[in-house]
Protein backbone atom coordinates (compact mmCIF):
# COMPACT_ATOMS: atom_id res chain seq x y z
CA MET A 1 93.72 84.85 76.48
CA SER A 2 94.15 83.20 79.86
CA PHE A 3 94.47 79.43 79.95
CA PHE A 4 95.44 76.53 82.18
CA LEU A 5 99.14 75.82 81.89
CA HIS A 6 98.62 72.09 82.39
CA HIS A 7 96.31 72.00 79.37
CA THR A 8 98.64 74.00 77.15
CA PRO A 9 101.52 72.72 75.00
CA ARG A 10 104.95 73.97 76.02
CA ARG A 11 105.32 76.06 72.87
CA MET A 12 102.30 78.19 73.88
CA ILE A 13 103.88 79.12 77.18
CA ARG A 14 106.92 80.59 75.45
CA ARG A 15 106.79 84.14 74.19
CA ARG A 16 107.65 85.11 70.66
CA ILE A 17 110.84 87.12 70.19
CA ILE A 18 111.20 89.36 67.13
CA THR A 19 114.12 91.72 66.70
CA THR A 20 113.01 95.33 66.56
CA THR A 21 115.01 98.40 65.65
CA ASN A 22 112.52 100.75 67.30
CA ARG A 23 113.18 99.59 70.84
CA ARG A 24 111.71 101.46 73.80
CA GLN A 25 113.49 102.50 76.94
CA MET A 26 115.34 99.84 78.95
CA SER A 27 112.51 99.64 81.46
CA ALA A 28 108.81 100.35 81.17
CA VAL A 29 105.95 100.26 83.66
CA TYR A 30 102.46 99.35 82.48
CA GLY A 31 99.14 99.05 84.23
CA TYR A 32 95.43 98.47 83.86
CA GLY A 33 92.32 99.08 85.94
CA ALA A 34 90.64 102.18 87.39
CA GLN A 35 92.32 105.49 86.51
CA TRP A 36 90.32 107.88 88.70
CA THR A 37 92.48 107.04 91.73
CA GLY A 38 95.58 108.37 89.94
CA ALA A 39 97.39 105.10 90.67
CA LEU A 40 98.11 104.55 86.96
CA SER A 41 100.00 107.88 86.71
CA ARG A 42 98.32 109.12 83.55
CA GLY A 43 98.15 112.80 84.51
CA ARG A 44 95.29 115.06 85.57
CA ASP A 45 93.73 115.15 82.08
CA ASN A 46 93.20 111.38 82.03
CA LEU A 47 91.76 110.77 85.50
CA ILE A 48 88.14 110.41 84.45
CA THR A 49 88.74 108.10 81.49
CA ASP A 50 89.56 104.39 81.71
CA GLU A 51 92.00 103.68 78.89
CA ALA A 52 92.64 100.10 80.04
CA PRO A 53 89.79 98.86 82.26
CA GLU A 54 90.23 95.44 83.83
CA LEU A 55 88.48 92.69 81.86
CA SER A 56 86.94 89.66 83.52
CA PRO A 57 87.98 86.17 82.32
CA GLU A 58 84.52 85.84 80.72
CA GLU A 59 84.97 89.10 78.80
CA ILE A 60 88.41 88.05 77.58
CA GLN A 61 87.04 84.72 76.39
CA GLN A 62 83.99 86.23 74.68
CA LEU A 63 85.80 89.14 73.04
CA GLY A 64 88.85 87.14 72.05
CA ASP A 65 91.09 90.08 72.92
CA PRO A 66 93.79 90.18 75.60
CA GLN A 67 93.85 92.51 78.58
CA ASN A 68 95.35 95.73 77.25
CA MET A 69 97.55 98.01 79.33
CA ILE A 70 98.76 101.61 79.37
CA GLN A 71 102.18 102.95 80.23
CA LEU A 72 102.59 104.89 83.46
CA LYS A 73 103.89 108.43 82.97
CA GLY A 74 106.24 110.42 85.15
CA LEU A 75 109.61 108.70 84.82
CA ASP A 76 112.33 111.01 83.50
CA ASP A 77 114.38 110.02 80.47
CA GLY A 78 117.10 107.58 81.41
CA MET A 79 115.30 106.37 84.54
CA GLU A 80 114.01 102.85 84.99
CA CYS A 81 111.86 101.17 87.61
CA VAL A 82 113.79 98.72 89.80
CA SER A 83 111.06 98.03 92.36
CA ALA A 84 107.32 98.69 92.67
CA SER A 85 104.31 98.13 94.89
CA ALA A 86 100.56 98.59 94.35
CA GLY A 87 98.43 99.75 97.28
CA TRP A 88 94.68 100.14 97.63
CA GLY A 89 94.58 103.48 95.81
CA HIS A 90 98.17 104.37 94.98
CA THR A 91 101.36 103.06 93.40
CA ALA A 92 104.92 103.44 94.66
CA MET A 93 108.10 102.65 92.79
CA ILE A 94 111.84 103.02 93.14
CA ALA A 95 113.35 104.57 90.00
CA GLN A 96 117.04 104.52 89.14
CA ASP A 97 118.96 106.64 86.64
CA ARG A 98 122.11 105.86 84.66
CA ASP A 99 124.29 107.03 87.56
CA ASN A 100 122.52 104.53 89.89
CA THR A 101 120.86 107.37 91.78
CA ARG A 102 117.53 106.17 93.15
CA LYS A 103 114.30 107.99 93.86
CA LEU A 104 111.09 107.00 95.60
CA MET A 105 108.17 107.88 93.32
CA VAL A 106 104.48 107.85 94.27
CA CYS A 107 101.19 108.45 92.44
CA GLY A 108 97.51 108.12 93.32
CA ARG A 109 96.15 108.50 96.87
CA PRO A 110 98.96 107.62 99.30
CA HIS A 111 97.24 109.30 102.29
CA ASP A 112 93.67 108.22 101.61
CA PHE A 113 91.44 105.25 102.31
CA GLN A 114 88.00 106.30 103.61
CA THR A 115 87.49 108.85 100.82
CA LEU A 116 88.65 106.23 98.33
CA MET A 117 85.98 103.82 99.60
CA ARG A 118 83.29 106.50 99.45
CA LEU A 119 84.23 107.64 95.95
CA ARG A 120 84.08 104.08 94.65
CA ARG A 121 80.46 103.78 95.81
CA LEU A 122 79.38 106.99 94.07
CA PRO A 123 77.87 106.98 90.56
CA PRO A 124 80.66 107.51 88.00
CA PHE A 125 79.54 110.99 86.89
CA ILE A 126 79.44 112.23 90.51
CA ARG A 127 82.77 110.57 91.27
CA ASP A 128 84.37 112.21 88.23
CA PHE A 129 83.11 115.60 89.40
CA CYS A 130 84.58 115.04 92.88
CA VAL A 131 87.92 113.89 91.51
CA GLN A 132 88.27 116.88 89.19
CA TYR A 133 87.42 119.50 91.80
CA SER A 134 89.56 118.03 94.55
CA LEU A 135 92.71 118.49 92.44
CA PRO A 136 94.86 121.60 92.83
CA LEU A 137 93.89 124.21 90.24
CA GLU A 138 96.13 123.99 87.21
CA GLY A 139 98.52 126.88 86.69
CA GLU A 140 98.59 127.98 90.34
CA GLU A 141 101.22 127.26 92.94
CA ILE A 142 100.08 125.07 95.82
CA ASP A 143 101.16 127.67 98.36
CA GLU A 144 98.87 130.19 96.66
CA GLN A 145 95.93 127.80 96.68
CA SER A 146 96.33 126.85 100.33
CA SER A 147 95.75 130.48 101.32
CA LYS A 148 92.49 130.73 99.36
CA GLU A 149 89.00 129.79 100.38
CA PRO A 150 87.66 126.75 98.50
CA SER A 151 85.23 127.51 95.70
CA ILE A 152 81.57 126.46 95.73
CA LEU A 153 82.37 123.55 93.42
CA GLN A 154 85.24 122.48 95.65
CA ARG A 155 82.97 122.59 98.70
CA ILE A 156 80.39 120.44 96.93
CA ALA A 157 83.04 117.96 95.83
CA SER A 158 84.41 117.83 99.37
CA PHE A 159 80.95 117.17 100.82
CA LEU A 160 80.14 114.42 98.33
CA ALA A 161 83.48 112.69 98.83
CA GLY A 162 83.27 112.97 102.60
CA GLU A 163 86.45 115.02 102.90
CA ASN A 164 86.89 117.52 105.69
CA GLU A 165 86.78 121.13 104.51
CA VAL A 166 89.92 121.97 106.47
CA THR A 167 91.94 119.89 104.01
CA PHE A 168 91.68 122.73 101.49
CA HIS A 169 93.90 124.78 103.80
CA GLU A 170 96.57 122.13 104.35
CA HIS A 171 99.63 122.35 102.14
CA GLU A 172 100.49 118.69 102.66
CA TYR A 173 97.04 117.37 101.84
CA ARG A 174 96.69 119.38 98.64
CA ARG A 175 100.10 118.24 97.47
CA TYR A 176 100.13 114.60 98.50
CA SER A 177 96.55 113.32 98.80
CA ASN A 178 95.70 113.16 95.11
CA ILE A 179 98.71 112.72 92.82
CA PRO A 180 97.70 112.11 89.20
CA GLU A 181 101.29 111.57 88.01
CA MET A 182 104.47 110.21 89.59
CA LEU A 183 105.92 112.53 92.25
CA GLU A 184 109.27 112.11 94.01
CA ILE A 185 109.15 111.63 97.78
CA LYS A 186 112.48 112.44 99.42
CA ILE A 187 114.04 110.03 101.91
CA PRO A 188 117.51 110.29 103.47
CA SER A 189 120.30 108.39 101.66
CA GLY A 190 117.92 107.02 99.02
CA PRO A 191 116.04 103.69 98.93
CA ALA A 192 117.54 100.20 98.89
CA VAL A 193 116.28 97.45 96.59
CA GLU A 194 116.06 93.68 96.90
CA GLY A 195 119.45 92.00 96.52
CA ASP A 196 121.54 94.98 97.63
CA ARG A 197 124.31 93.93 99.98
CA ILE A 198 124.37 95.63 103.38
CA ASP A 199 127.74 97.36 103.76
CA SER A 200 129.79 97.09 106.94
CA GLU A 201 129.35 100.85 107.38
CA VAL A 202 125.60 100.31 107.63
CA PHE A 203 126.02 97.74 110.40
CA GLU A 204 128.33 100.11 112.26
CA LEU A 205 125.80 102.91 111.84
CA HIS A 206 123.35 100.82 113.86
CA GLY A 207 125.91 99.97 116.52
CA THR A 208 127.12 96.59 115.22
CA LYS A 209 130.89 96.37 114.79
CA ASN A 210 133.30 93.77 113.43
CA THR A 211 130.52 91.83 111.73
CA GLU A 212 132.97 89.79 109.72
CA LYS A 213 135.18 88.77 112.68
CA SER A 214 132.83 88.36 115.62
CA SER A 215 130.50 85.36 115.49
CA LYS A 216 128.45 86.96 118.25
CA HIS A 217 127.59 89.91 116.05
CA GLN A 218 127.45 88.02 112.77
CA PRO A 219 124.16 89.01 111.09
CA MET A 220 121.74 86.42 109.75
CA HIS A 221 120.85 88.59 106.75
CA THR A 222 123.50 90.43 104.74
CA HIS A 223 121.27 91.43 101.80
CA PHE A 224 118.04 93.38 101.57
CA GLN A 225 114.82 91.54 100.73
CA ASN A 226 111.54 93.40 100.20
CA THR A 227 112.30 97.11 100.65
CA LEU A 228 109.05 98.71 99.43
CA ALA A 229 105.48 98.07 100.57
CA THR A 230 102.11 99.82 100.21
CA SER A 231 98.66 99.30 101.65
CA ALA A 232 95.52 101.30 102.43
CA GLY A 233 96.89 104.84 102.51
CA THR A 234 100.32 103.82 103.83
CA THR A 235 103.78 103.37 102.29
CA ALA A 236 106.92 101.83 103.79
CA VAL A 237 110.42 102.01 102.34
CA ILE A 238 113.85 100.92 103.55
CA SER A 239 116.78 103.24 102.85
CA LYS A 240 120.30 102.22 101.85
CA THR A 241 121.31 102.66 105.50
CA GLY A 242 118.78 100.03 106.57
CA THR A 243 116.46 102.60 108.16
CA LEU A 244 112.73 101.91 107.80
CA TYR A 245 110.55 104.92 106.91
CA MET A 246 106.77 105.19 106.66
CA PHE A 247 104.19 107.80 105.72
CA GLY A 248 100.43 107.88 105.26
CA LEU A 249 97.40 107.34 107.50
CA ASN A 250 98.17 106.94 111.18
CA GLN A 251 94.92 106.83 113.16
CA ARG A 252 95.76 103.29 114.33
CA GLY A 253 99.47 103.92 114.67
CA GLN A 254 100.10 102.13 111.37
CA CYS A 255 103.04 104.44 110.61
CA GLY A 256 104.74 103.43 113.87
CA SER A 257 105.86 107.01 114.54
CA GLY A 258 105.34 106.84 118.31
CA THR A 259 102.10 108.86 118.20
CA PHE A 260 98.55 108.53 116.93
CA SER A 261 97.65 111.17 114.35
CA PRO A 262 95.45 111.50 111.23
CA ASN A 263 98.47 111.44 108.92
CA VAL A 264 102.25 111.26 108.81
CA TRP A 265 102.98 113.48 105.81
CA ASP A 266 106.73 112.99 105.42
CA PRO A 267 108.64 109.68 105.55
CA SER A 268 109.43 109.11 109.23
CA PRO A 269 111.40 106.39 111.04
CA ILE A 270 109.57 103.63 112.94
CA HIS A 271 109.98 103.76 116.72
CA GLY A 272 110.83 100.71 118.83
CA LEU A 273 112.67 98.56 116.27
CA ALA A 274 114.81 96.76 118.84
CA SER A 275 114.58 93.85 121.24
CA LYS A 276 113.22 94.48 124.74
CA ARG A 277 116.70 93.97 126.23
CA TYR A 278 118.25 96.49 123.84
CA VAL A 279 115.60 99.12 124.57
CA LEU A 280 115.99 98.66 128.33
CA ASP A 281 119.76 99.07 128.01
CA HIS A 282 119.74 102.07 125.64
CA GLY A 283 116.37 103.78 126.06
CA THR A 284 115.79 107.00 127.98
CA GLY A 285 112.01 107.02 128.40
CA ILE A 286 109.98 105.92 131.42
CA GLY A 287 107.39 103.13 131.55
CA GLU A 288 105.55 102.53 128.27
CA ASN A 289 107.16 105.68 126.89
CA LEU A 290 110.46 103.81 126.97
CA PHE A 291 109.50 101.89 123.81
CA LYS A 292 107.33 104.59 122.27
CA GLU A 293 110.12 107.16 122.38
CA PHE A 294 112.88 104.79 121.27
CA LYS A 295 113.82 106.13 117.82
CA GLU A 296 116.96 104.10 117.15
CA GLN A 297 117.21 100.76 115.38
CA GLU A 298 119.14 97.92 116.92
CA ASN A 299 120.02 96.53 113.48
CA PRO A 300 119.42 97.36 109.81
CA ILE A 301 115.94 96.45 108.59
CA VAL A 302 116.09 94.09 105.60
CA SER A 303 112.41 93.47 104.78
CA VAL A 304 108.99 95.06 105.34
CA ALA A 305 105.36 94.16 104.61
CA LEU A 306 102.09 95.96 105.34
CA GLY A 307 98.61 94.79 106.27
CA LEU A 308 95.50 96.93 106.20
CA GLN A 309 96.41 98.84 109.38
CA HIS A 310 99.48 97.05 110.71
CA GLY A 311 103.03 96.36 109.59
CA ILE A 312 105.77 93.79 110.03
CA ALA A 313 109.52 94.24 109.61
CA LEU A 314 112.58 91.97 109.72
CA ASP A 315 116.06 93.02 110.79
CA SER A 316 119.49 91.65 109.92
CA LYS A 317 119.65 89.59 113.13
CA GLY A 318 116.47 87.71 112.20
CA GLN A 319 114.18 89.58 114.61
CA ALA A 320 110.59 90.33 113.57
CA PHE A 321 108.65 93.42 114.70
CA CYS A 322 105.00 94.45 114.37
CA TRP A 323 103.15 97.75 114.94
CA GLY A 324 99.74 99.33 114.35
CA LYS A 325 96.28 97.89 114.86
CA GLY A 326 96.34 94.81 117.06
CA GLU A 327 92.82 94.24 118.41
CA ARG A 328 92.61 90.91 116.59
CA GLY A 329 96.09 89.63 117.32
CA GLN A 330 97.82 91.17 114.27
CA LEU A 331 100.89 92.10 116.34
CA GLY A 332 101.54 88.58 117.68
CA GLN A 333 102.07 89.56 121.31
CA GLY A 334 100.24 86.65 122.97
CA ARG A 335 101.60 83.38 124.38
CA ARG A 336 100.39 79.82 124.09
CA LEU A 337 99.49 78.16 127.37
CA ALA A 338 101.00 74.77 128.13
CA ASP A 339 97.57 73.12 128.43
CA ASP A 340 96.22 74.95 125.38
CA GLU A 341 94.58 72.05 123.55
CA GLU A 342 91.87 74.15 121.94
CA GLY A 343 93.84 77.24 121.04
CA GLN A 344 92.49 79.47 123.83
CA ASP A 345 94.76 82.14 125.29
CA ASP A 346 94.22 84.93 127.79
CA GLU A 347 97.15 87.31 127.78
CA PRO A 348 95.90 90.70 129.09
CA ASN A 349 97.74 92.93 126.60
CA GLU A 350 97.75 90.79 123.48
CA ASN A 351 94.86 92.56 121.70
CA ARG A 352 96.13 96.11 121.82
CA THR A 353 96.99 98.71 119.21
CA PHE A 354 100.49 100.20 119.38
CA GLU A 355 101.91 103.30 117.74
CA HIS A 356 105.41 101.83 117.89
CA ALA A 357 107.05 98.54 116.96
CA LEU A 358 107.09 95.51 119.25
CA HIS A 359 109.38 92.50 119.04
CA VAL A 360 107.56 89.26 118.07
CA ASP A 361 109.37 86.47 119.90
CA ASN A 362 106.83 83.89 121.07
CA PHE A 363 107.41 81.13 118.53
CA TYR A 364 106.47 77.93 120.29
CA ASP A 365 107.99 74.57 119.38
CA PRO A 366 105.38 72.46 117.54
CA TYR A 367 107.40 69.28 118.20
CA ALA A 368 108.36 69.95 121.84
CA THR A 369 108.41 66.98 124.23
CA THR A 370 109.96 68.70 127.23
CA SER A 371 106.91 70.39 128.81
CA THR A 372 105.85 69.41 132.32
CA LYS A 373 102.67 69.82 134.32
CA GLU A 374 104.26 72.77 136.12
CA ASP A 375 104.81 74.73 132.88
CA ILE A 376 102.47 77.68 132.37
CA TYR A 377 103.37 78.30 128.75
CA ALA A 378 104.19 75.92 125.91
CA PRO A 379 107.94 75.54 125.20
CA LEU A 380 109.40 78.04 122.74
CA LEU A 381 111.88 77.41 119.96
CA SER A 382 115.51 77.97 120.86
CA PRO A 383 116.93 81.46 120.12
CA SER A 384 118.79 80.13 117.08
CA ASP A 385 115.79 78.23 115.68
CA SER A 386 113.40 81.14 116.22
CA LYS A 387 115.36 83.60 114.11
CA ILE A 388 113.21 84.74 111.19
CA GLY A 389 114.20 84.30 107.56
CA LEU A 390 111.10 85.50 105.66
CA ILE A 391 108.07 87.70 106.42
CA SER A 392 104.87 88.87 104.75
CA ALA A 393 101.50 90.33 105.74
CA GLY A 394 97.91 89.89 104.66
CA MET A 395 94.99 92.19 105.29
CA ASN A 396 94.70 91.36 109.01
CA PHE A 397 97.36 88.73 109.62
CA SER A 398 101.11 88.23 109.50
CA LEU A 399 103.33 85.39 108.29
CA ALA A 400 106.89 84.49 109.23
CA VAL A 401 109.23 81.59 108.43
CA THR A 402 111.95 80.73 110.93
CA SER A 403 115.56 79.83 110.20
CA SER A 404 114.54 76.26 111.08
CA ASN A 405 112.09 76.35 108.11
CA LEU A 406 108.92 76.48 110.21
CA PRO A 407 106.06 78.74 108.97
CA TYR A 408 104.00 80.67 111.54
CA ILE A 409 100.89 82.80 111.17
CA TRP A 410 98.97 85.10 113.51
CA GLY A 411 96.13 87.63 113.39
CA LYS A 412 92.41 87.82 112.65
CA ASN A 413 90.45 84.66 111.74
CA CYS A 414 93.53 82.80 110.56
CA VAL A 415 93.39 79.54 112.53
CA PRO A 416 90.67 76.85 112.74
CA ASN A 417 88.30 76.91 115.68
CA PRO A 418 88.52 73.45 117.29
CA SER A 419 85.17 73.88 119.05
CA PHE A 420 83.29 74.55 115.80
CA SER A 421 81.03 71.82 114.47
CA ALA A 422 79.37 72.05 111.07
CA SER A 423 76.77 69.47 112.07
CA ASP A 424 75.92 71.20 115.35
CA PHE A 425 75.17 74.68 113.97
CA ASN A 426 75.54 77.58 116.39
CA ILE A 427 75.04 81.12 115.11
CA ARG A 428 77.62 82.38 117.62
CA SER A 429 80.24 79.88 116.54
CA LYS A 430 82.45 80.24 113.49
CA PRO A 431 84.92 77.86 111.83
CA VAL A 432 87.93 80.13 112.41
CA GLU A 433 89.25 82.27 115.24
CA ASP A 434 91.92 84.86 115.93
CA SER A 435 95.44 83.96 116.93
CA THR A 436 97.25 86.43 119.15
CA TYR A 437 100.54 84.53 118.98
CA PRO A 438 102.47 82.89 116.12
CA ARG A 439 100.97 79.49 115.34
CA TYR A 440 102.69 76.82 113.33
CA VAL A 441 101.23 76.12 109.86
CA PRO A 442 101.16 72.34 109.22
CA GLY A 443 100.73 70.50 105.93
CA LEU A 444 103.95 71.29 104.05
CA PRO A 445 106.07 68.41 102.73
CA ALA A 446 108.99 67.52 104.96
CA ASN A 447 112.59 68.41 104.14
CA LEU A 448 111.75 71.03 101.49
CA GLN A 449 112.98 74.56 102.11
CA ILE A 450 110.59 77.51 101.91
CA ILE A 451 112.41 80.02 99.68
CA LYS A 452 109.77 82.74 99.14
CA VAL A 453 106.55 83.89 100.82
CA ALA A 454 103.85 86.37 99.80
CA CYS A 455 100.43 87.27 101.15
CA GLY A 456 97.27 88.55 99.50
CA THR A 457 94.44 90.04 101.51
CA HIS A 458 93.10 86.66 102.66
CA HIS A 459 95.73 84.08 101.71
CA ALA A 460 99.38 83.28 102.34
CA ALA A 461 101.48 81.58 99.65
CA MET A 462 104.80 79.76 100.15
CA LEU A 463 107.20 78.79 97.35
CA LEU A 464 109.24 75.66 98.05
CA GLU A 465 112.62 74.71 96.63
CA ASP A 466 111.08 72.08 94.32
CA GLY A 467 108.98 74.78 92.59
CA SER A 468 105.70 73.85 94.24
CA ILE A 469 103.56 76.54 95.88
CA TRP A 470 101.48 75.89 98.98
CA ALA A 471 98.90 78.16 100.58
CA VAL A 472 96.49 78.73 103.44
CA GLY A 473 93.67 81.25 103.61
CA VAL A 474 90.18 81.87 102.26
CA ALA A 475 89.32 80.35 98.89
CA THR A 476 88.71 82.63 95.89
CA ASP A 477 85.74 80.73 94.48
CA SER A 478 83.88 80.37 97.77
CA PRO A 479 84.26 81.96 101.23
CA VAL A 480 85.65 78.70 102.57
CA PRO A 481 88.29 79.08 105.30
CA MET A 482 91.30 76.87 104.56
CA TRP A 483 93.60 77.74 107.45
CA ASP A 484 93.92 74.30 109.09
CA GLU A 485 96.83 73.16 106.92
CA ALA A 486 98.65 74.23 103.77
CA VAL A 487 97.42 72.89 100.43
CA GLU A 488 99.31 72.68 97.15
CA ILE A 489 98.21 75.25 94.54
CA LEU A 490 101.05 74.69 92.05
CA THR A 491 102.70 71.33 91.46
CA PRO A 492 106.48 70.87 91.08
CA GLY A 493 108.05 70.92 87.64
CA ILE A 494 106.39 74.04 86.22
CA VAL A 495 108.63 76.67 87.79
CA ASP A 496 112.42 76.54 87.67
CA THR A 497 113.52 77.83 91.07
CA SER A 498 117.08 78.42 89.87
CA GLU A 499 115.93 81.76 88.42
CA ILE A 500 113.06 83.27 90.38
CA ILE A 501 112.62 86.83 89.14
CA SER A 502 109.63 87.81 91.30
CA PHE A 503 107.17 86.23 93.72
CA GLN A 504 104.32 88.60 94.61
CA ALA A 505 100.79 88.30 95.97
CA GLY A 506 98.02 90.88 95.78
CA PHE A 507 94.44 90.57 96.96
CA ASP A 508 93.12 87.24 95.55
CA ARG A 509 96.10 85.97 93.54
CA THR A 510 99.80 85.15 93.53
CA VAL A 511 102.06 85.84 90.54
CA ILE A 512 105.45 84.23 90.01
CA VAL A 513 107.90 85.36 87.34
CA SER A 514 110.74 82.99 86.50
CA GLY A 515 113.40 82.63 83.84
CA LEU A 516 113.53 79.95 81.17
CA GLU A 517 116.59 78.34 79.61
CA SER A 518 115.87 80.24 76.40
CA GLY A 519 116.29 83.54 78.21
CA LYS A 520 112.57 84.25 78.07
CA ARG A 521 110.29 84.79 81.06
CA GLN A 522 107.47 82.64 82.37
CA VAL A 523 104.65 84.42 84.20
CA ILE A 524 102.17 82.29 86.15
CA GLU A 525 99.12 83.50 88.03
CA ILE A 526 97.53 81.23 90.64
CA GLN A 527 94.80 81.46 93.25
CA LEU A 528 93.65 79.47 96.26
CA TRP A 529 90.65 77.40 95.18
CA SER A 530 88.39 75.29 97.39
CA ASN A 531 88.09 72.72 94.59
CA GLU A 532 91.02 70.32 94.40
CA GLU A 533 90.78 69.97 90.60
CA LEU A 534 90.95 73.75 90.20
CA ARG A 535 94.01 73.83 92.42
CA GLN A 536 95.64 71.10 90.36
CA TYR A 537 94.97 72.73 86.98
CA GLY A 538 94.53 76.37 87.94
CA ALA A 539 97.84 77.90 86.83
CA VAL A 540 97.08 80.70 84.37
CA ARG A 541 99.13 82.64 81.87
CA PRO A 542 97.83 86.26 82.16
CA SER A 543 96.37 87.56 78.90
CA TYR A 544 98.18 90.89 79.15
CA LEU A 545 101.30 89.00 78.06
CA ASP A 546 99.71 88.62 74.61
CA TRP A 547 99.12 92.38 74.53
CA LEU A 548 102.72 93.00 75.56
CA ASP A 549 103.98 90.69 72.82
CA GLN A 550 101.99 92.65 70.26
CA GLU A 551 103.16 96.03 71.54
CA ASP A 552 106.85 95.36 72.13
CA GLU A 553 108.28 91.85 72.18
CA SER A 554 111.62 93.10 73.45
CA GLN A 555 110.09 93.76 76.87
CA LYS A 556 110.32 90.99 79.49
CA VAL A 557 108.21 91.02 82.64
CA LEU A 558 110.18 91.86 85.77
CA SER A 559 107.37 91.87 88.36
CA VAL A 560 103.59 92.11 88.72
CA HIS A 561 101.82 94.02 91.52
CA ARG A 562 98.06 93.83 92.09
CA GLY A 563 96.27 96.60 93.98
CA TRP A 564 92.61 96.96 94.91
CA MET A 565 91.42 98.43 91.60
CA HIS A 566 94.57 98.43 89.49
CA THR A 567 97.50 96.22 88.51
CA VAL A 568 101.06 97.33 87.72
CA VAL A 569 103.41 95.34 85.47
CA VAL A 570 107.12 96.25 85.45
CA THR A 571 109.12 95.18 82.41
CA GLU A 572 112.71 95.35 81.19
CA SER A 573 114.43 94.87 77.84
């Protein structure tokens, strides 16, 4: 059962350890929630049954039973999950065998969002019918099916789900749009995982030489951070060579492939991942096509995060890039004016959608004292101070932390509107507004390093070196915008930052997994509450830990990933 950590004796936080001779595989992946999406990888025969539906806190309290889980199928014997991500309707993971060979595995609906939304609104018996008859027919090869006309039942299912009839003739759609069990997706050289060191050969592959001897070319990042990300019908993965690949929906250019298209079926490199100077020196296109057609990377990519229809990436030099939908400032291409007292900006191209990556470099100095009346724009941070150390993305906003430990945020409705007045109500006025350029997030305690960041759909969480967690965003308990300054949602002393196993955010909550001196794991779930008392005492131990203890106490939680209608829990022995 879930409970407040502050109200619970220390002994209750610790998990019981009992030696078992019937130990499972070294790694296991569990999940709970809706199965009809296929994101829990239970196979085609189990799509229309919910073996582990998500329980509300009230149901858990009334029933007295923990949240149960089911094990995801599809991993071969000897393979274990080393990284995972939960999207809106699909799950992606990186699996590794005993020879350290890695594979990208996907299940669910990795190329689907609109149909997913429509199916969720249908009555369950109609939805189950649509799900069953949109699957490839069992026992037939996909190539054989793609040459056949859809049956009457398939046509009905397609109509009800809002799918286009032509999809029954597309090999890629039939194979990759509805995957009831884990399927390998090939990428060149295999995927990297967090903590992998970037070899000198990788730097040379991207044109950087003598990284150990030349201070000019010395990279800021020498290890990979977040290498796998999923969202609404999109997946991003970084290979061992530091190349960023994406596949999925692409109507808004969210795959960054240089073109707008309904889908990008196979993992494809992002275009434009280089500074403006580098593209001008090495590109061959003309005009805007110069960036759109630039397929190289200036440096290895070390981290990636995805919003609803945009993405953000970080390279080894500390440069941040955004691509995709940008009508509400998600790509951070605006500039702050020098006399911008009320947050207004008027850059002509700042609210545009781009099918290729753009360098985000307008990080203004929040403490600048050097501006003059002749300055058009506010002073920017120095090149060294504006290098980026950490990135993340929410539904329609992006977050970055500079090497100088300054957090910035930009995108849709993510900054307070200074002209809004609660007492002087105006139906056209709202308490928040868009930010088309990176804006500094105030409120954090001074002289404490930000060591991890993670974003849910409407909140951004930052883990500090003292173990405290601070956040901005929209409150869970009430649609109250809390973007003006960061507030503390976890006090110091609960989490030992010397062994952070995982720090992830999904939709309305953030989950941190840390090690204890006993060798056990501590899993804490927190949310952004509008009530200060809830924030102070709102750390929760998820009830599925009790279920896991009952099933196999040898398993320790490695990471937790929350999707739209499902949650994935990765464990290890």
